[in-house]
Amino acid sequence: TGNEISNVSRACRILKQWDERKQERAVDLMKYYLELD
């Protein structure tokens, strides 16, 4: 696709750099956005 790096890998790298509170916020946002349970 021009960029073979997976979105999951990119997201994991970004999240690993954040503190726990920021990671939890990101997960909550993803759950809300994707309507996940």
All heavy atoms as atom14 arrays in JSON, in Angstrom:
{
  "sequence": "TGNEISNVSRACRILKQWDERKQERAVDLMKYYLELD",
  "atom14_mask": [
    [1, 1, 1, 1, 1, 1, 1, 0, 0, 0, 0, 0, 0, 0],
    [1, 1, 1, 1, 0, 0, 0, 0, 0, 0, 0, 0, 0, 0],
    [1, 1, 1, 1, 1, 1, 1, 1, 0, 0, 0, 0, 0, 0],
    [1, 1, 1, 1, 1, 1, 1, 1, 1, 0, 0, 0, 0, 0],
    [1, 1, 1, 1, 1, 1, 1, 1, 0, 0, 0, 0, 0, 0],
    [1, 1, 1, 1, 1, 1, 0, 0, 0, 0, 0, 0, 0, 0],
    [1, 1, 1, 1, 1, 1, 1, 1, 0, 0, 0, 0, 0, 0],
    [1, 1, 1, 1, 1, 1, 1, 0, 0, 0, 0, 0, 0, 0],
    [1, 1, 1, 1, 1, 1, 0, 0, 0, 0, 0, 0, 0, 0],
    [1, 1, 1, 1, 1, 1, 1, 1, 1, 1, 1, 0, 0, 0],
    [1, 1, 1, 1, 1, 0, 0, 0, 0, 0, 0, 0, 0, 0],
    [1, 1, 1, 1, 1, 1, 0, 0, 0, 0, 0, 0, 0, 0],
    [1, 1, 1, 1, 1, 1, 1, 1, 1, 1, 1, 0, 0, 0],
    [1, 1, 1, 1, 1, 1, 1, 1, 0, 0, 0, 0, 0, 0],
    [1, 1, 1, 1, 1, 1, 1, 1, 0, 0, 0, 0, 0, 0],
    [1, 1, 1, 1, 1, 1, 1, 1, 1, 0, 0, 0, 0, 0],
    [1, 1, 1, 1, 1, 1, 1, 1, 1, 0, 0, 0, 0, 0],
    [1, 1, 1, 1, 1, 1, 1, 1, 1, 1, 1, 1, 1, 1],
    [1, 1, 1, 1, 1, 1, 1, 1, 0, 0, 0, 0, 0, 0],
    [1, 1, 1, 1, 1, 1, 1, 1, 1, 0, 0, 0, 0, 0],
    [1, 1, 1, 1, 1, 1, 1, 1, 1, 1, 1, 0, 0, 0],
    [1, 1, 1, 1, 1, 1, 1, 1, 1, 0, 0, 0, 0, 0],
    [1, 1, 1, 1, 1, 1, 1, 1, 1, 0, 0, 0, 0, 0],
    [1, 1, 1, 1, 1, 1, 1, 1, 1, 0, 0, 0, 0, 0],
    [1, 1, 1, 1, 1, 1, 1, 1, 1, 1, 1, 0, 0, 0],
    [1, 1, 1, 1, 1, 0, 0, 0, 0, 0, 0, 0, 0, 0],
    [1, 1, 1, 1, 1, 1, 1, 0, 0, 0, 0, 0, 0, 0],
    [1, 1, 1, 1, 1, 1, 1, 1, 0, 0, 0, 0, 0, 0],
    [1, 1, 1, 1, 1, 1, 1, 1, 0, 0, 0, 0, 0, 0],
    [1, 1, 1, 1, 1, 1, 1, 1, 0, 0, 0, 0, 0, 0],
    [1, 1, 1, 1, 1, 1, 1, 1, 1, 0, 0, 0, 0, 0],
    [1, 1, 1, 1, 1, 1, 1, 1, 1, 1, 1, 1, 0, 0],
    [1, 1, 1, 1, 1, 1, 1, 1, 1, 1, 1, 1, 0, 0],
    [1, 1, 1, 1, 1, 1, 1, 1, 0, 0, 0, 0, 0, 0],
    [1, 1, 1, 1, 1, 1, 1, 1, 1, 0, 0, 0, 0, 0],
    [1, 1, 1, 1, 1, 1, 1, 1, 0, 0, 0, 0, 0, 0],
    [1, 1, 1, 1, 1, 1, 1, 1, 0, 0, 0, 0, 0, 0]
  ],
  "atom14_positions": [
    [[0.82, -1.2, 0.0], [0.0, 0.0, 0.0], [0.86, 1.26, 0.0], [0.36, 2.34, 0.18], [-0.91, 0.02, 1.24], [-0.08, -0.01, 2.4], [-1.86, -1.16, 1.25], [0.0, 0.0, 0.0], [0.0, 0.0, 0.0], [0.0, 0.0, 0.0], [0.0, 0.0, 0.0], [0.0, 0.0, 0.0], [0.0, 0.0, 0.0], [0.0, 0.0, 0.0]],
    [[2.14, 1.07, -0.17], [3.05, 2.2, -0.1], [3.65, 2.33, 1.29], [4.69, 2.91, 1.48], [0.0, 0.0, 0.0], [0.0, 0.0, 0.0], [0.0, 0.0, 0.0], [0.0, 0.0, 0.0], [0.0, 0.0, 0.0], [0.0, 0.0, 0.0], [0.0, 0.0, 0.0], [0.0, 0.0, 0.0], [0.0, 0.0, 0.0], [0.0, 0.0, 0.0]],
    [[2.95, 1.78, 2.27], [3.44, 1.79, 3.64], [3.02, 0.47, 4.28], [1.9, 0.33, 4.7], [2.88, 2.98, 4.41], [3.46, 3.06, 5.8], [4.27, 2.24, 6.18], [3.05, 4.06, 6.55], [0.0, 0.0, 0.0], [0.0, 0.0, 0.0], [0.0, 0.0, 0.0], [0.0, 0.0, 0.0], [0.0, 0.0, 0.0], [0.0, 0.0, 0.0]],
    [[3.93, -0.48, 4.34], [3.6, -1.81, 4.81], [3.56, -1.93, 6.33], [3.24, -2.96, 6.86], [4.58, -2.84, 4.23], [4.24, -3.26, 2.83], [4.17, -2.13, 1.83], [5.2, -1.49, 1.59], [3.09, -1.86, 1.3], [0.0, 0.0, 0.0], [0.0, 0.0, 0.0], [0.0, 0.0, 0.0], [0.0, 0.0, 0.0], [0.0, 0.0, 0.0]],
    [[3.89, -0.88, 7.03], [3.84, -0.93, 8.49], [2.38, -0.94, 8.9], [1.58, -0.13, 8.46], [4.58, 0.28, 9.11], [6.05, 0.24, 8.72], [4.41, 0.3, 10.61], [6.82, 1.46, 9.13], [0.0, 0.0, 0.0], [0.0, 0.0, 0.0], [0.0, 0.0, 0.0], [0.0, 0.0, 0.0], [0.0, 0.0, 0.0], [0.0, 0.0, 0.0]],
    [[2.02, -1.89, 9.73], [0.61, -2.03, 10.12], [0.16, -0.89, 11.03], [0.95, -0.33, 11.8], [0.39, -3.37, 10.82], [0.92, -3.34, 12.12], [0.0, 0.0, 0.0], [0.0, 0.0, 0.0], [0.0, 0.0, 0.0], [0.0, 0.0, 0.0], [0.0, 0.0, 0.0], [0.0, 0.0, 0.0], [0.0, 0.0, 0.0], [0.0, 0.0, 0.0]],
    [[-1.11, -0.57, 10.93], [-1.69, 0.45, 11.8], [-1.63, 0.02, 13.26], [-1.42, 0.84, 14.14], [-3.14, 0.73, 11.39], [-3.22, 1.47, 10.08], [-2.33, 2.23, 9.73], [-4.29, 1.24, 9.35], [0.0, 0.0, 0.0], [0.0, 0.0, 0.0], [0.0, 0.0, 0.0], [0.0, 0.0, 0.0], [0.0, 0.0, 0.0], [0.0, 0.0, 0.0]],
    [[-1.81, -1.27, 13.5], [-1.74, -1.78, 14.87], [-0.35, -1.55, 15.44], [-0.19, -1.09, 16.57], [-2.12, -3.27, 14.92], [-1.87, -3.85, 16.3], [-3.57, -3.48, 14.51], [0.0, 0.0, 0.0], [0.0, 0.0, 0.0], [0.0, 0.0, 0.0], [0.0, 0.0, 0.0], [0.0, 0.0, 0.0], [0.0, 0.0, 0.0], [0.0, 0.0, 0.0]],
    [[0.68, -1.85, 14.65], [2.05, -1.64, 15.11], [2.33, -0.18, 15.4], [2.94, 0.17, 16.4], [3.05, -2.14, 14.06], [2.96, -3.52, 13.92], [0.0, 0.0, 0.0], [0.0, 0.0, 0.0], [0.0, 0.0, 0.0], [0.0, 0.0, 0.0], [0.0, 0.0, 0.0], [0.0, 0.0, 0.0], [0.0, 0.0, 0.0], [0.0, 0.0, 0.0]],
    [[1.85, 0.69, 14.51], [2.05, 2.13, 14.72], [1.36, 2.58, 15.99], [1.93, 3.32, 16.79], [1.5, 2.89, 13.52], [2.56, 3.43, 12.61], [1.97, 4.42, 11.63], [0.82, 3.9, 10.94], [0.83, 3.41, 9.71], [1.93, 3.37, 9.04], [-0.27, 2.96, 9.16], [0.0, 0.0, 0.0], [0.0, 0.0, 0.0], [0.0, 0.0, 0.0]],
    [[0.12, 2.15, 16.19], [-0.64, 2.55, 17.38], [0.04, 2.04, 18.65], [0.14, 2.77, 19.64], [-2.07, 2.04, 17.29], [0.0, 0.0, 0.0], [0.0, 0.0, 0.0], [0.0, 0.0, 0.0], [0.0, 0.0, 0.0], [0.0, 0.0, 0.0], [0.0, 0.0, 0.0], [0.0, 0.0, 0.0], [0.0, 0.0, 0.0], [0.0, 0.0, 0.0]],
    [[0.52, 0.8, 18.61], [1.2, 0.24, 19.79], [2.45, 1.03, 20.13], [2.72, 1.3, 21.3], [1.55, -1.22, 19.55], [0.12, -2.32, 19.61], [0.0, 0.0, 0.0], [0.0, 0.0, 0.0], [0.0, 0.0, 0.0], [0.0, 0.0, 0.0], [0.0, 0.0, 0.0], [0.0, 0.0, 0.0], [0.0, 0.0, 0.0], [0.0, 0.0, 0.0]],
    [[3.21, 1.4, 19.11], [4.43, 2.2, 19.37], [4.09, 3.53, 20.01], [4.76, 3.97, 20.94], [5.19, 2.42, 18.06], [6.19, 1.37, 17.74], [7.24, 1.83, 16.75], [6.72, 2.61, 15.65], [6.31, 2.11, 14.49], [6.33, 0.83, 14.28], [5.88, 2.9, 13.53], [0.0, 0.0, 0.0], [0.0, 0.0, 0.0], [0.0, 0.0, 0.0]],
    [[3.04, 4.17, 19.53], [2.64, 5.46, 20.08], [2.17, 5.3, 21.52], [2.59, 6.03, 22.41], [1.54, 6.1, 19.21], [2.11, 6.51, 17.85], [0.91, 7.3, 19.93], [1.06, 6.86, 16.82], [0.0, 0.0, 0.0], [0.0, 0.0, 0.0], [0.0, 0.0, 0.0], [0.0, 0.0, 0.0], [0.0, 0.0, 0.0], [0.0, 0.0, 0.0]],
    [[1.28, 4.32, 21.76], [0.74, 4.12, 23.1], [1.82, 3.77, 24.12], [1.73, 4.19, 25.28], [-0.34, 3.03, 23.09], [-1.66, 3.43, 22.44], [-2.56, 2.2, 22.3], [-2.36, 4.52, 23.21], [0.0, 0.0, 0.0], [0.0, 0.0, 0.0], [0.0, 0.0, 0.0], [0.0, 0.0, 0.0], [0.0, 0.0, 0.0], [0.0, 0.0, 0.0]],
    [[2.82, 3.01, 23.72], [3.89, 2.62, 24.64], [4.67, 3.83, 25.15], [5.26, 3.78, 26.22], [4.83, 1.63, 23.97], [4.24, 0.25, 23.86], [5.2, -0.7, 23.17], [4.54, -2.05, 22.98], [5.4, -2.99, 22.25], [0.0, 0.0, 0.0], [0.0, 0.0, 0.0], [0.0, 0.0, 0.0], [0.0, 0.0, 0.0], [0.0, 0.0, 0.0]],
    [[4.66, 4.91, 24.39], [5.4, 6.11, 24.78], [4.62, 6.95, 25.8], [5.19, 7.81, 26.44], [5.7, 6.97, 23.56], [6.6, 6.3, 22.56], [6.74, 7.09, 21.28], [6.19, 8.18, 21.13], [7.45, 6.54, 20.33], [0.0, 0.0, 0.0], [0.0, 0.0, 0.0], [0.0, 0.0, 0.0], [0.0, 0.0, 0.0], [0.0, 0.0, 0.0]],
    [[3.35, 6.7, 25.93], [2.51, 7.49, 26.82], [2.43, 6.89, 28.21], [2.61, 5.7, 28.41], [1.1, 7.58, 26.25], [0.99, 8.34, 24.96], [1.96, 9.07, 24.35], [-0.15, 8.41, 24.11], [1.49, 9.6, 23.18], [0.2, 9.21, 23.01], [-1.42, 7.87, 24.17], [-0.69, 9.5, 21.99], [-2.31, 8.16, 23.16], [-1.95, 8.97, 22.08]],
    [[2.11, 7.74, 29.19], [1.92, 7.24, 30.55], [0.58, 6.51, 30.63], [-0.24, 6.57, 29.71], [2.0, 8.37, 31.57], [0.92, 9.43, 31.41], [-0.24, 9.09, 31.07], [1.21, 10.62, 31.62], [0.0, 0.0, 0.0], [0.0, 0.0, 0.0], [0.0, 0.0, 0.0], [0.0, 0.0, 0.0], [0.0, 0.0, 0.0], [0.0, 0.0, 0.0]],
    [[0.37, 5.81, 31.74], [-0.81, 4.95, 31.88], [-2.12, 5.73, 31.75], [-3.07, 5.26, 31.11], [-0.76, 4.23, 33.23], [-1.83, 3.18, 33.38], [-1.69, 2.39, 34.67], [-0.58, 2.33, 35.22], [-2.71, 1.85, 35.11], [0.0, 0.0, 0.0], [0.0, 0.0, 0.0], [0.0, 0.0, 0.0], [0.0, 0.0, 0.0], [0.0, 0.0, 0.0]],
    [[-2.18, 6.9, 32.32], [-3.41, 7.71, 32.27], [-3.75, 8.07, 30.83], [-4.91, 7.97, 30.41], [-3.23, 8.97, 33.11], [-4.47, 9.82, 33.17], [-4.31, 10.94, 34.21], [-5.39, 11.87, 34.1], [-5.26, 13.13, 33.72], [-4.08, 13.63, 33.46], [-6.31, 13.92, 33.64], [0.0, 0.0, 0.0], [0.0, 0.0, 0.0], [0.0, 0.0, 0.0]],
    [[-2.76, 8.48, 30.07], [-2.97, 8.85, 28.68], [-3.37, 7.62, 27.84], [-4.21, 7.71, 26.96], [-1.7, 9.5, 28.12], [-1.91, 10.37, 26.94], [-0.64, 11.14, 26.62], [-0.82, 12.06, 25.45], [0.4, 12.79, 25.12], [0.0, 0.0, 0.0], [0.0, 0.0, 0.0], [0.0, 0.0, 0.0], [0.0, 0.0, 0.0], [0.0, 0.0, 0.0]],
    [[-2.78, 6.47, 28.15], [-3.14, 5.23, 27.46], [-4.6, 4.87, 27.72], [-5.33, 4.49, 26.79], [-2.24, 4.08, 27.92], [-0.83, 4.17, 27.41], [0.05, 3.06, 27.98], [-0.42, 2.16, 28.67], [1.33, 3.13, 27.68], [0.0, 0.0, 0.0], [0.0, 0.0, 0.0], [0.0, 0.0, 0.0], [0.0, 0.0, 0.0], [0.0, 0.0, 0.0]],
    [[-5.03, 5.01, 28.96], [-6.42, 4.7, 29.3], [-7.38, 5.62, 28.57], [-8.43, 5.18, 28.09], [-6.63, 4.8, 30.81], [-5.99, 3.67, 31.58], [-6.06, 3.86, 33.09], [-6.67, 4.85, 33.57], [-5.49, 3.02, 33.8], [0.0, 0.0, 0.0], [0.0, 0.0, 0.0], [0.0, 0.0, 0.0], [0.0, 0.0, 0.0], [0.0, 0.0, 0.0]],
    [[-7.04, 6.89, 28.47], [-7.88, 7.84, 27.74], [-7.99, 7.45, 26.27], [-9.06, 7.51, 25.67], [-7.31, 9.25, 27.84], [-7.53, 9.93, 29.14], [-6.89, 11.27, 29.07], [-7.37, 12.17, 30.07], [-6.8, 13.33, 30.32], [-5.75, 13.71, 29.61], [-7.27, 14.12, 31.25], [0.0, 0.0, 0.0], [0.0, 0.0, 0.0], [0.0, 0.0, 0.0]],
    [[-6.87, 7.05, 25.68], [-6.86, 6.64, 24.27], [-7.73, 5.42, 24.05], [-8.5, 5.34, 23.09], [-5.43, 6.39, 23.8], [0.0, 0.0, 0.0], [0.0, 0.0, 0.0], [0.0, 0.0, 0.0], [0.0, 0.0, 0.0], [0.0, 0.0, 0.0], [0.0, 0.0, 0.0], [0.0, 0.0, 0.0], [0.0, 0.0, 0.0], [0.0, 0.0, 0.0]],
    [[-7.63, 4.45, 24.95], [-8.45, 3.23, 24.84], [-9.93, 3.58, 25.0], [-10.78, 3.09, 24.24], [-8.0, 2.17, 25.87], [-9.0, 1.03, 25.95], [-6.62, 1.65, 25.53], [0.0, 0.0, 0.0], [0.0, 0.0, 0.0], [0.0, 0.0, 0.0], [0.0, 0.0, 0.0], [0.0, 0.0, 0.0], [0.0, 0.0, 0.0], [0.0, 0.0, 0.0]],
    [[-10.26, 4.45, 25.95], [-11.65, 4.87, 26.12], [-12.17, 5.56, 24.86], [-13.31, 5.31, 24.44], [-11.79, 5.82, 27.32], [-11.64, 5.11, 28.65], [-11.76, 3.86, 28.67], [-11.4, 5.81, 29.66], [0.0, 0.0, 0.0], [0.0, 0.0, 0.0], [0.0, 0.0, 0.0], [0.0, 0.0, 0.0], [0.0, 0.0, 0.0], [0.0, 0.0, 0.0]],
    [[-11.35, 6.38, 24.25], [-11.73, 7.07, 23.02], [-11.96, 6.06, 21.89], [-12.94, 6.17, 21.15], [-10.66, 8.09, 22.63], [-10.93, 8.9, 21.37], [-12.21, 9.72, 21.52], [-9.75, 9.82, 21.08], [0.0, 0.0, 0.0], [0.0, 0.0, 0.0], [0.0, 0.0, 0.0], [0.0, 0.0, 0.0], [0.0, 0.0, 0.0], [0.0, 0.0, 0.0]],
    [[-11.08, 5.08, 21.78], [-11.24, 4.06, 20.74], [-12.52, 3.27, 20.97], [-13.26, 2.98, 20.02], [-10.03, 3.12, 20.71], [-8.81, 3.74, 20.06], [-7.46, 2.57, 19.86], [-6.72, 2.62, 21.47], [0.0, 0.0, 0.0], [0.0, 0.0, 0.0], [0.0, 0.0, 0.0], [0.0, 0.0, 0.0], [0.0, 0.0, 0.0], [0.0, 0.0, 0.0]],
    [[-12.8, 2.9, 22.22], [-14.02, 2.16, 22.52], [-15.25, 2.98, 22.12], [-16.18, 2.46, 21.5], [-14.1, 1.85, 24.02], [-13.19, 0.76, 24.49], [-13.41, 0.59, 25.98], [-12.4, -0.25, 26.65], [-12.61, -0.32, 28.1], [0.0, 0.0, 0.0], [0.0, 0.0, 0.0], [0.0, 0.0, 0.0], [0.0, 0.0, 0.0], [0.0, 0.0, 0.0]],
    [[-15.22, 4.25, 22.47], [-16.34, 5.12, 22.14], [-16.49, 5.25, 20.63], [-17.57, 5.09, 20.08], [-16.14, 6.5, 22.77], [-17.2, 7.5, 22.34], [-18.46, 7.46, 22.92], [-16.92, 8.45, 21.38], [-19.44, 8.37, 22.52], [-17.88, 9.35, 20.97], [-19.15, 9.31, 21.54], [-20.11, 10.2, 21.14], [0.0, 0.0, 0.0], [0.0, 0.0, 0.0]],
    [[-15.4, 5.52, 19.96], [-15.42, 5.74, 18.52], [-15.88, 4.48, 17.78], [-16.65, 4.55, 16.84], [-14.05, 6.18, 18.04], [-13.98, 6.4, 16.56], [-14.58, 7.52, 15.98], [-13.34, 5.5, 15.72], [-14.53, 7.73, 14.62], [-13.28, 5.7, 14.36], [-13.89, 6.82, 13.81], [-13.85, 7.01, 12.46], [0.0, 0.0, 0.0], [0.0, 0.0, 0.0]],
    [[-15.41, 3.33, 18.22], [-15.72, 2.07, 17.55], [-16.95, 1.37, 18.13], [-17.35, 0.32, 17.67], [-14.52, 1.13, 17.61], [-13.26, 1.66, 16.92], [-12.09, 0.74, 17.21], [-13.49, 1.78, 15.43], [0.0, 0.0, 0.0], [0.0, 0.0, 0.0], [0.0, 0.0, 0.0], [0.0, 0.0, 0.0], [0.0, 0.0, 0.0], [0.0, 0.0, 0.0]],
    [[-17.53, 1.99, 19.19], [-18.67, 1.44, 19.88], [-18.41, 0.0, 20.32], [-19.23, -0.9, 20.12], [-19.93, 1.52, 19.01], [-20.3, 2.95, 18.68], [-21.51, 3.04, 17.77], [-22.18, 2.03, 17.51], [-21.79, 4.17, 17.35], [0.0, 0.0, 0.0], [0.0, 0.0, 0.0], [0.0, 0.0, 0.0], [0.0, 0.0, 0.0], [0.0, 0.0, 0.0]],
    [[-17.25, -0.21, 20.93], [-16.85, -1.53, 21.41], [-17.31, -1.75, 22.83], [-17.38, -0.82, 23.62], [-15.33, -1.68, 21.34], [-14.7, -1.56, 19.96], [-13.18, -1.63, 20.09], [-15.17, -2.68, 19.07], [0.0, 0.0, 0.0], [0.0, 0.0, 0.0], [0.0, 0.0, 0.0], [0.0, 0.0, 0.0], [0.0, 0.0, 0.0], [0.0, 0.0, 0.0]],
    [[-17.57, -2.98, 23.14], [-17.95, -3.34, 24.51], [-16.87, -4.28, 25.05], [-17.07, -5.49, 25.14], [-19.31, -4.03, 24.51], [-19.82, -4.27, 25.92], [-19.38, -3.57, 26.84], [-20.65, -5.18, 26.09], [0.0, 0.0, 0.0], [0.0, 0.0, 0.0], [0.0, 0.0, 0.0], [0.0, 0.0, 0.0], [0.0, 0.0, 0.0], [0.0, 0.0, 0.0]]
  ]
}
